[in-house]
Amino acid sequence: MHVVAGEPLGPAQSGPGPLADGPLDPSVVAGVPPLYRAAGSFVLVALFGVAVLSWSQRFVEGSVEASMARPHVSVVYGLVAYGLVGFLGMLFLVQLSFVGLTGSSLAYVVAGLVGVGVLVLAGLGYAVVGSALVELVAERQPWNGLVLGAVLSGLAVLVLPPLAGLLAWVVLAAVGVGGPVREWMHAERTVATESGS
């Protein structure tokens, strides 16, 4: 291959990747006014939380018990869940590139799927955290908890700078996600241990 100084590289060697300068660039989100970020967070968490509660309100109620039993540990397991979603998205992109399926449209599809995964976790996490807070003053009501959780998600990105708001948003949702993830991980290990005996 012949490369001449000053000429752009071909598409296979074009730099950091298809998402670097596209609409999914993190600086685009940082440029959005805080009130719009907060409103977007509220709406997305509420929508995905409604989906999770509609799927299984009993699961959400069990998740409240599991997460609030050990909230400090739940944060770690919740962050593992978020990391796993991101890792699976990257793994999927790498596998597709090995078989020659690359391109910005495919990267957008995978990024969209990862985004849906993150929002499902956020909907669950904020419904759990909100339900736990509602239970402090009244009987547990997951639907009211979801509304409170969606408000908390909006406040996290409204009052803090973009990066700190994102970190607070993820950590707060991770508290609610971590309990069921911890139970799932340890239940799998217990079943494997018992079957090996």
Protein backbone atom coordinates (compact mmCIF):
# COMPACT_ATOMS: atom_id res chain seq x y z
CA MET A 1 0.00 0.00 0.00
CA HIS A 2 1.30 3.42 -0.93
CA VAL A 3 0.67 6.31 1.49
CA VAL A 4 1.41 9.89 0.52
CA ALA A 5 1.88 12.54 3.21
CA GLY A 6 -1.09 14.85 3.45
CA GLU A 7 -3.57 12.44 1.84
CA PRO A 8 -6.40 11.09 3.99
CA LEU A 9 -6.26 7.46 5.01
CA GLY A 10 -8.70 4.96 3.56
CA PRO A 11 -11.88 3.98 5.37
CA ALA A 12 -10.28 0.97 7.10
CA GLN A 13 -7.70 3.24 8.77
CA SER A 14 -9.76 6.33 9.42
CA GLY A 15 -9.01 7.00 13.06
CA PRO A 16 -10.95 6.48 16.27
CA GLY A 17 -14.10 4.96 14.80
CA PRO A 18 -17.57 5.70 13.48
CA LEU A 19 -18.96 7.17 16.72
CA ALA A 20 -16.22 9.71 17.40
CA ASP A 21 -17.70 12.67 15.51
CA GLY A 22 -21.30 11.52 15.16
CA PRO A 23 -24.43 12.45 17.08
CA LEU A 24 -23.42 10.04 19.87
CA ASP A 25 -20.35 12.07 20.74
CA PRO A 26 -20.46 12.78 24.52
CA SER A 27 -19.66 16.46 23.96
CA VAL A 28 -23.01 16.80 22.17
CA VAL A 29 -24.84 15.79 25.36
CA ALA A 30 -22.64 18.07 27.50
CA GLY A 31 -23.67 20.99 25.28
CA VAL A 32 -27.38 20.47 25.99
CA PRO A 33 -28.76 22.87 28.63
CA PRO A 34 -29.15 21.22 32.07
CA LEU A 35 -32.93 21.70 32.15
CA TYR A 36 -33.31 19.75 28.90
CA ARG A 37 -30.98 16.99 30.15
CA ALA A 38 -33.05 16.76 33.34
CA ALA A 39 -36.32 16.60 31.41
CA GLY A 40 -34.91 13.96 29.07
CA SER A 41 -33.66 11.91 32.01
CA PHE A 42 -37.04 12.14 33.76
CA VAL A 43 -38.97 11.07 30.65
CA LEU A 44 -36.64 8.21 29.68
CA VAL A 45 -36.38 6.81 33.21
CA ALA A 46 -40.17 7.08 33.61
CA LEU A 47 -40.84 5.33 30.28
CA PHE A 48 -38.42 2.48 30.87
CA GLY A 49 -39.52 2.23 34.50
CA VAL A 50 -43.14 1.85 33.37
CA ALA A 51 -42.01 -0.93 31.04
CA VAL A 52 -40.17 -2.72 33.86
CA LEU A 53 -43.07 -2.32 36.32
CA SER A 54 -45.56 -3.49 33.69
CA TRP A 55 -43.40 -6.53 33.02
CA SER A 56 -43.20 -7.57 36.68
CA GLN A 57 -44.13 -5.43 39.65
CA ARG A 58 -43.31 -8.38 41.90
CA PHE A 59 -39.74 -8.41 40.56
CA VAL A 60 -39.36 -4.71 41.38
CA GLU A 61 -40.70 -5.26 44.91
CA GLY A 62 -38.25 -8.14 45.41
CA SER A 63 -35.48 -5.93 44.07
CA VAL A 64 -36.28 -3.31 46.72
CA GLU A 65 -35.76 -5.94 49.43
CA ALA A 66 -32.57 -7.26 47.85
CA SER A 67 -31.01 -3.85 47.20
CA MET A 68 -31.89 -2.26 50.52
CA ALA A 69 -30.65 -5.27 52.51
CA ARG A 70 -27.08 -4.29 51.57
CA PRO A 71 -27.10 -0.96 49.69
CA HIS A 72 -23.32 -0.43 49.80
CA VAL A 73 -22.73 -3.81 48.19
CA SER A 74 -25.60 -3.22 45.76
CA VAL A 75 -23.76 -0.24 44.27
CA VAL A 76 -20.85 -2.45 43.27
CA TYR A 77 -23.07 -5.12 41.73
CA GLY A 78 -25.11 -2.47 39.94
CA LEU A 79 -21.97 -0.96 38.42
CA VAL A 80 -20.99 -4.48 37.31
CA ALA A 81 -24.34 -4.74 35.52
CA TYR A 82 -23.75 -1.45 33.69
CA GLY A 83 -20.21 -2.55 32.81
CA LEU A 84 -21.53 -5.84 31.49
CA VAL A 85 -23.99 -4.09 29.18
CA GLY A 86 -21.20 -1.89 27.79
CA PHE A 87 -18.82 -4.83 27.48
CA LEU A 88 -21.39 -6.91 25.58
CA GLY A 89 -21.99 -4.02 23.19
CA MET A 90 -18.28 -3.65 22.48
CA LEU A 91 -17.88 -7.41 22.15
CA PHE A 92 -20.71 -7.50 19.62
CA LEU A 93 -19.08 -4.72 17.57
CA VAL A 94 -15.72 -6.49 17.61
CA GLN A 95 -17.27 -9.79 16.55
CA LEU A 96 -19.11 -8.11 13.68
CA SER A 97 -15.89 -6.45 12.55
CA PHE A 98 -14.19 -9.88 12.43
CA VAL A 99 -16.74 -11.10 9.90
CA GLY A 100 -16.41 -7.92 7.88
CA LEU A 101 -19.62 -6.19 8.97
CA THR A 102 -18.52 -2.69 9.89
CA GLY A 103 -19.88 0.75 9.27
CA SER A 104 -21.33 3.70 11.06
CA SER A 105 -24.95 2.57 10.67
CA LEU A 106 -24.14 -0.75 12.35
CA ALA A 107 -22.28 1.07 15.12
CA TYR A 108 -25.35 3.25 15.68
CA VAL A 109 -27.58 0.17 15.93
CA VAL A 110 -25.27 -1.44 18.52
CA ALA A 111 -24.99 1.86 20.41
CA GLY A 112 -28.78 2.08 20.39
CA LEU A 113 -29.09 -1.43 21.80
CA VAL A 114 -26.57 -0.63 24.52
CA GLY A 115 -28.52 2.55 25.25
CA VAL A 116 -31.74 0.55 25.62
CA GLY A 117 -29.95 -1.84 27.99
CA VAL A 118 -28.67 1.06 30.08
CA LEU A 119 -32.13 2.64 30.19
CA VAL A 120 -33.79 -0.64 31.23
CA LEU A 121 -31.30 -0.87 34.10
CA ALA A 122 -31.96 2.78 34.95
CA GLY A 123 -35.73 2.27 34.89
CA LEU A 124 -35.39 -0.66 37.28
CA GLY A 125 -32.79 1.05 39.46
CA TYR A 126 -34.72 4.28 39.92
CA ALA A 127 -38.01 2.45 40.50
CA VAL A 128 -36.30 0.47 43.27
CA VAL A 129 -34.58 3.48 44.86
CA GLY A 130 -37.76 5.57 44.64
CA SER A 131 -39.87 2.75 46.13
CA ALA A 132 -37.43 2.39 49.02
CA LEU A 133 -37.64 6.12 49.72
CA VAL A 134 -41.45 6.13 49.50
CA GLU A 135 -41.49 3.25 51.98
CA LEU A 136 -39.70 5.44 54.53
CA VAL A 137 -42.79 7.67 54.89
CA ALA A 138 -45.68 5.46 53.73
CA GLU A 139 -46.56 2.01 52.47
CA ARG A 140 -44.39 0.82 49.58
CA GLN A 141 -45.92 1.80 46.25
CA PRO A 142 -43.68 1.01 43.27
CA TRP A 143 -45.58 3.31 40.89
CA ASN A 144 -45.12 6.29 43.21
CA GLY A 145 -41.55 5.13 43.73
CA LEU A 146 -40.98 5.23 39.98
CA VAL A 147 -42.15 8.85 39.81
CA LEU A 148 -39.88 9.80 42.72
CA GLY A 149 -37.00 7.89 41.11
CA ALA A 150 -37.52 9.66 37.78
CA VAL A 151 -37.48 13.02 39.61
CA LEU A 152 -34.21 12.00 41.33
CA SER A 153 -32.70 11.05 37.98
CA GLY A 154 -33.57 14.47 36.59
CA LEU A 155 -32.18 16.25 39.66
CA ALA A 156 -28.88 14.37 39.36
CA VAL A 157 -28.22 15.81 35.91
CA LEU A 158 -29.79 19.21 36.65
CA VAL A 159 -27.81 20.37 39.66
CA LEU A 160 -24.42 18.80 38.92
CA PRO A 161 -21.93 19.47 36.10
CA PRO A 162 -22.34 17.05 33.15
CA LEU A 163 -19.71 14.46 34.12
CA ALA A 164 -20.55 14.52 37.84
CA GLY A 165 -24.26 14.37 36.98
CA LEU A 166 -23.72 11.33 34.78
CA LEU A 167 -21.71 9.59 37.49
CA ALA A 168 -24.35 10.37 40.13
CA TRP A 169 -27.08 9.21 37.75
CA VAL A 170 -25.38 5.85 37.18
CA VAL A 171 -24.39 5.29 40.83
CA LEU A 172 -27.87 6.08 42.15
CA ALA A 173 -29.48 3.69 39.67
CA ALA A 174 -26.80 1.09 40.44
CA VAL A 175 -28.02 0.95 44.05
CA GLY A 176 -31.40 -0.28 42.81
CA VAL A 177 -30.02 -2.66 40.19
CA GLY A 178 -27.33 -4.22 42.39
CA GLY A 179 -29.58 -6.23 44.71
CA PRO A 180 -31.15 -8.46 42.06
CA VAL A 181 -27.82 -8.75 40.23
CA ARG A 182 -26.14 -9.89 43.47
CA GLU A 183 -28.86 -12.47 44.10
CA TRP A 184 -28.65 -13.71 40.51
CA MET A 185 -24.86 -14.03 40.57
CA HIS A 186 -24.78 -15.85 43.90
CA ALA A 187 -27.76 -18.06 43.03
CA GLU A 188 -25.93 -19.20 39.89
CA ARG A 189 -22.79 -19.95 41.90
CA THR A 190 -24.78 -21.84 44.56
CA VAL A 191 -26.53 -23.99 41.95
CA ALA A 192 -23.20 -24.78 40.28
CA THR A 193 -21.62 -25.61 43.64
CA GLU A 194 -24.51 -27.86 44.70
CA SER A 195 -24.57 -29.72 41.38
CA GLY A 196 -20.80 -30.28 41.57
CA SER A 197 -21.09 -31.97 44.97
